Amino acid sequence: MAIAEKMNSQMRLVLYDGEDLETGKSIYKTKSFNNVKTSANADQLYAIAQAFAPLQERRLHKVERNDSFEIQKEA
C-alpha cells in the first residue's frame, strides 16, 4: 500500500483584470505565495487572502491552493 506525505503548499490569488474587448471574456491575473504551511486549513488561507485582497490593484475573484505530495510505498 502507498502513502502520501504533503511536501509543499502554495496559495494563489486569482484577480479579475477586466474583459477582453474583442471576445468579451473575463481576464484574470494570479499572485502566488509559496512555502505556505502545509498544516494551514482552508479557513486560515481564506483569512490571509482576505487580508491581502485590499492591497492588490485588482479585485479578488477566487483563492486557490496547490499542494504537492510525495508518494511512497508504505514500510
C-alpha atoms as a PDB file:
ATOM      1  CA  MET A   1       0.000   0.000   0.000  1.00  0.00           C
ATOM      2  CA  ALA A   2       1.217   3.542  -0.734  1.00  0.00           C
ATOM      3  CA  ILE A   3       1.170   6.629   1.495  1.00  0.00           C
ATOM      4  CA  ALA A   4       1.172  10.299   0.508  1.00  0.00           C
ATOM      5  CA  GLU A   5       3.045  12.909   2.505  1.00  0.00           C
ATOM      6  CA  LYS A   6       2.293  16.585   1.848  1.00  0.00           C
ATOM      7  CA  MET A   7       5.587  18.267   0.946  1.00  0.00           C
ATOM      8  CA  ASN A   8       4.721  21.798  -0.254  1.00  0.00           C
ATOM      9  CA  SER A   9       1.729  24.074  -0.358  1.00  0.00           C
ATOM     10  CA  GLN A  10       1.026  27.183  -2.421  1.00  0.00           C
ATOM     11  CA  MET A  11      -1.763  29.768  -2.175  1.00  0.00           C
ATOM     12  CA  ARG A  12      -2.788  31.593  -5.336  1.00  0.00           C
ATOM     13  CA  LEU A  13      -4.991  34.669  -5.551  1.00  0.00           C
ATOM     14  CA  VAL A  14      -6.912  34.897  -8.803  1.00  0.00           C
ATOM     15  CA  LEU A  15      -7.588  38.566  -9.544  1.00  0.00           C
ATOM     16  CA  TYR A  16     -10.124  39.983 -12.013  1.00  0.00           C
ATOM     17  CA  ASP A  17      -8.417  42.190 -14.623  1.00  0.00           C
ATOM     18  CA  GLY A  18     -11.371  43.260 -16.769  1.00  0.00           C
ATOM     19  CA  GLU A  19     -12.755  41.919 -20.014  1.00  0.00           C
ATOM     20  CA  ASP A  20     -11.183  41.310 -23.400  1.00  0.00           C
ATOM     21  CA  LEU A  21     -12.616  43.936 -25.741  1.00  0.00           C
ATOM     22  CA  GLU A  22     -12.631  41.594 -28.726  1.00  0.00           C
ATOM     23  CA  THR A  23     -14.105  38.444 -27.174  1.00  0.00           C
ATOM     24  CA  GLY A  24     -15.884  39.809 -24.101  1.00  0.00           C
ATOM     25  CA  LYS A  25     -14.285  37.097 -21.948  1.00  0.00           C
ATOM     26  CA  SER A  26     -13.021  37.875 -18.467  1.00  0.00           C
ATOM     27  CA  ILE A  27      -9.278  38.290 -17.959  1.00  0.00           C
ATOM     28  CA  TYR A  28      -7.645  37.054 -14.750  1.00  0.00           C
ATOM     29  CA  LYS A  29      -4.187  37.574 -13.270  1.00  0.00           C
ATOM     30  CA  THR A  30      -2.679  35.470 -10.492  1.00  0.00           C
ATOM     31  CA  LYS A  31      -0.478  36.215  -7.499  1.00  0.00           C
ATOM     32  CA  SER A  32       1.177  33.175  -5.922  1.00  0.00           C
ATOM     33  CA  PHE A  33       2.508  32.710  -2.419  1.00  0.00           C
ATOM     34  CA  ASN A  34       4.892  29.794  -1.968  1.00  0.00           C
ATOM     35  CA  ASN A  35       6.003  27.987   1.178  1.00  0.00           C
ATOM     36  CA  VAL A  36       2.578  28.110   2.808  1.00  0.00           C
ATOM     37  CA  LYS A  37       2.440  25.953   5.923  1.00  0.00           C
ATOM     38  CA  THR A  38       1.207  22.541   4.890  1.00  0.00           C
ATOM     39  CA  SER A  39      -0.811  22.380   8.115  1.00  0.00           C
ATOM     40  CA  ALA A  40      -2.821  25.540   7.301  1.00  0.00           C
ATOM     41  CA  ASN A  41      -6.517  24.843   6.825  1.00  0.00           C
ATOM     42  CA  ALA A  42      -8.914  26.422   4.320  1.00  0.00           C
ATOM     43  CA  ASP A  43     -10.290  28.974   6.812  1.00  0.00           C
ATOM     44  CA  GLN A  44      -6.792  30.202   7.636  1.00  0.00           C
ATOM     45  CA  LEU A  45      -5.811  30.572   3.987  1.00  0.00           C
ATOM     46  CA  TYR A  46      -9.058  32.371   3.192  1.00  0.00           C
ATOM     47  CA  ALA A  47      -8.468  34.820   6.059  1.00  0.00           C
ATOM     48  CA  ILE A  48      -4.984  35.586   4.754  1.00  0.00           C
ATOM     49  CA  ALA A  49      -6.320  36.043   1.220  1.00  0.00           C
ATOM     50  CA  GLN A  50      -8.940  38.477   2.513  1.00  0.00           C
ATOM     51  CA  ALA A  51      -6.199  40.444   4.286  1.00  0.00           C
ATOM     52  CA  PHE A  52      -4.098  40.623   1.094  1.00  0.00           C
ATOM     53  CA  ALA A  53      -7.015  41.452  -1.238  1.00  0.00           C
ATOM     54  CA  PRO A  54      -7.237  45.189  -0.382  1.00  0.00           C
ATOM     55  CA  LEU A  55      -3.508  45.535  -1.068  1.00  0.00           C
ATOM     56  CA  GLN A  56      -3.957  44.422  -4.683  1.00  0.00           C
ATOM     57  CA  GLU A  57      -4.773  46.727  -7.602  1.00  0.00           C
ATOM     58  CA  ARG A  58      -7.283  44.194  -8.949  1.00  0.00           C
ATOM     59  CA  ARG A  59     -10.413  42.696  -7.372  1.00  0.00           C
ATOM     60  CA  LEU A  60     -10.121  39.245  -5.805  1.00  0.00           C
ATOM     61  CA  HIS A  61     -12.034  36.649  -7.826  1.00  0.00           C
ATOM     62  CA  LYS A  62     -11.094  33.436  -6.003  1.00  0.00           C
ATOM     63  CA  VAL A  63      -8.469  31.744  -3.850  1.00  0.00           C
ATOM     64  CA  GLU A  64      -6.749  28.526  -4.906  1.00  0.00           C
ATOM     65  CA  ARG A  65      -4.496  26.133  -3.044  1.00  0.00           C
ATOM     66  CA  ASN A  66      -1.991  23.814  -4.706  1.00  0.00           C
ATOM     67  CA  ASP A  67      -0.436  21.020  -2.666  1.00  0.00           C
ATOM     68  CA  SER A  68       2.446  18.753  -3.656  1.00  0.00           C
ATOM     69  CA  PHE A  69       2.713  15.257  -2.238  1.00  0.00           C
ATOM     70  CA  GLU A  70       5.457  12.670  -2.141  1.00  0.00           C
ATOM     71  CA  ILE A  71       4.030   9.198  -2.646  1.00  0.00           C
ATOM     72  CA  GLN A  72       5.943   6.236  -1.277  1.00  0.00           C
ATOM     73  CA  LYS A  73       5.390   2.609  -0.624  1.00  0.00           C
ATOM     74  CA  GLU A  74       4.342   2.049   2.979  1.00  0.00           C
ATOM     75  CA  ALA A  75       7.125   0.457   5.037  1.00  0.00           C
END
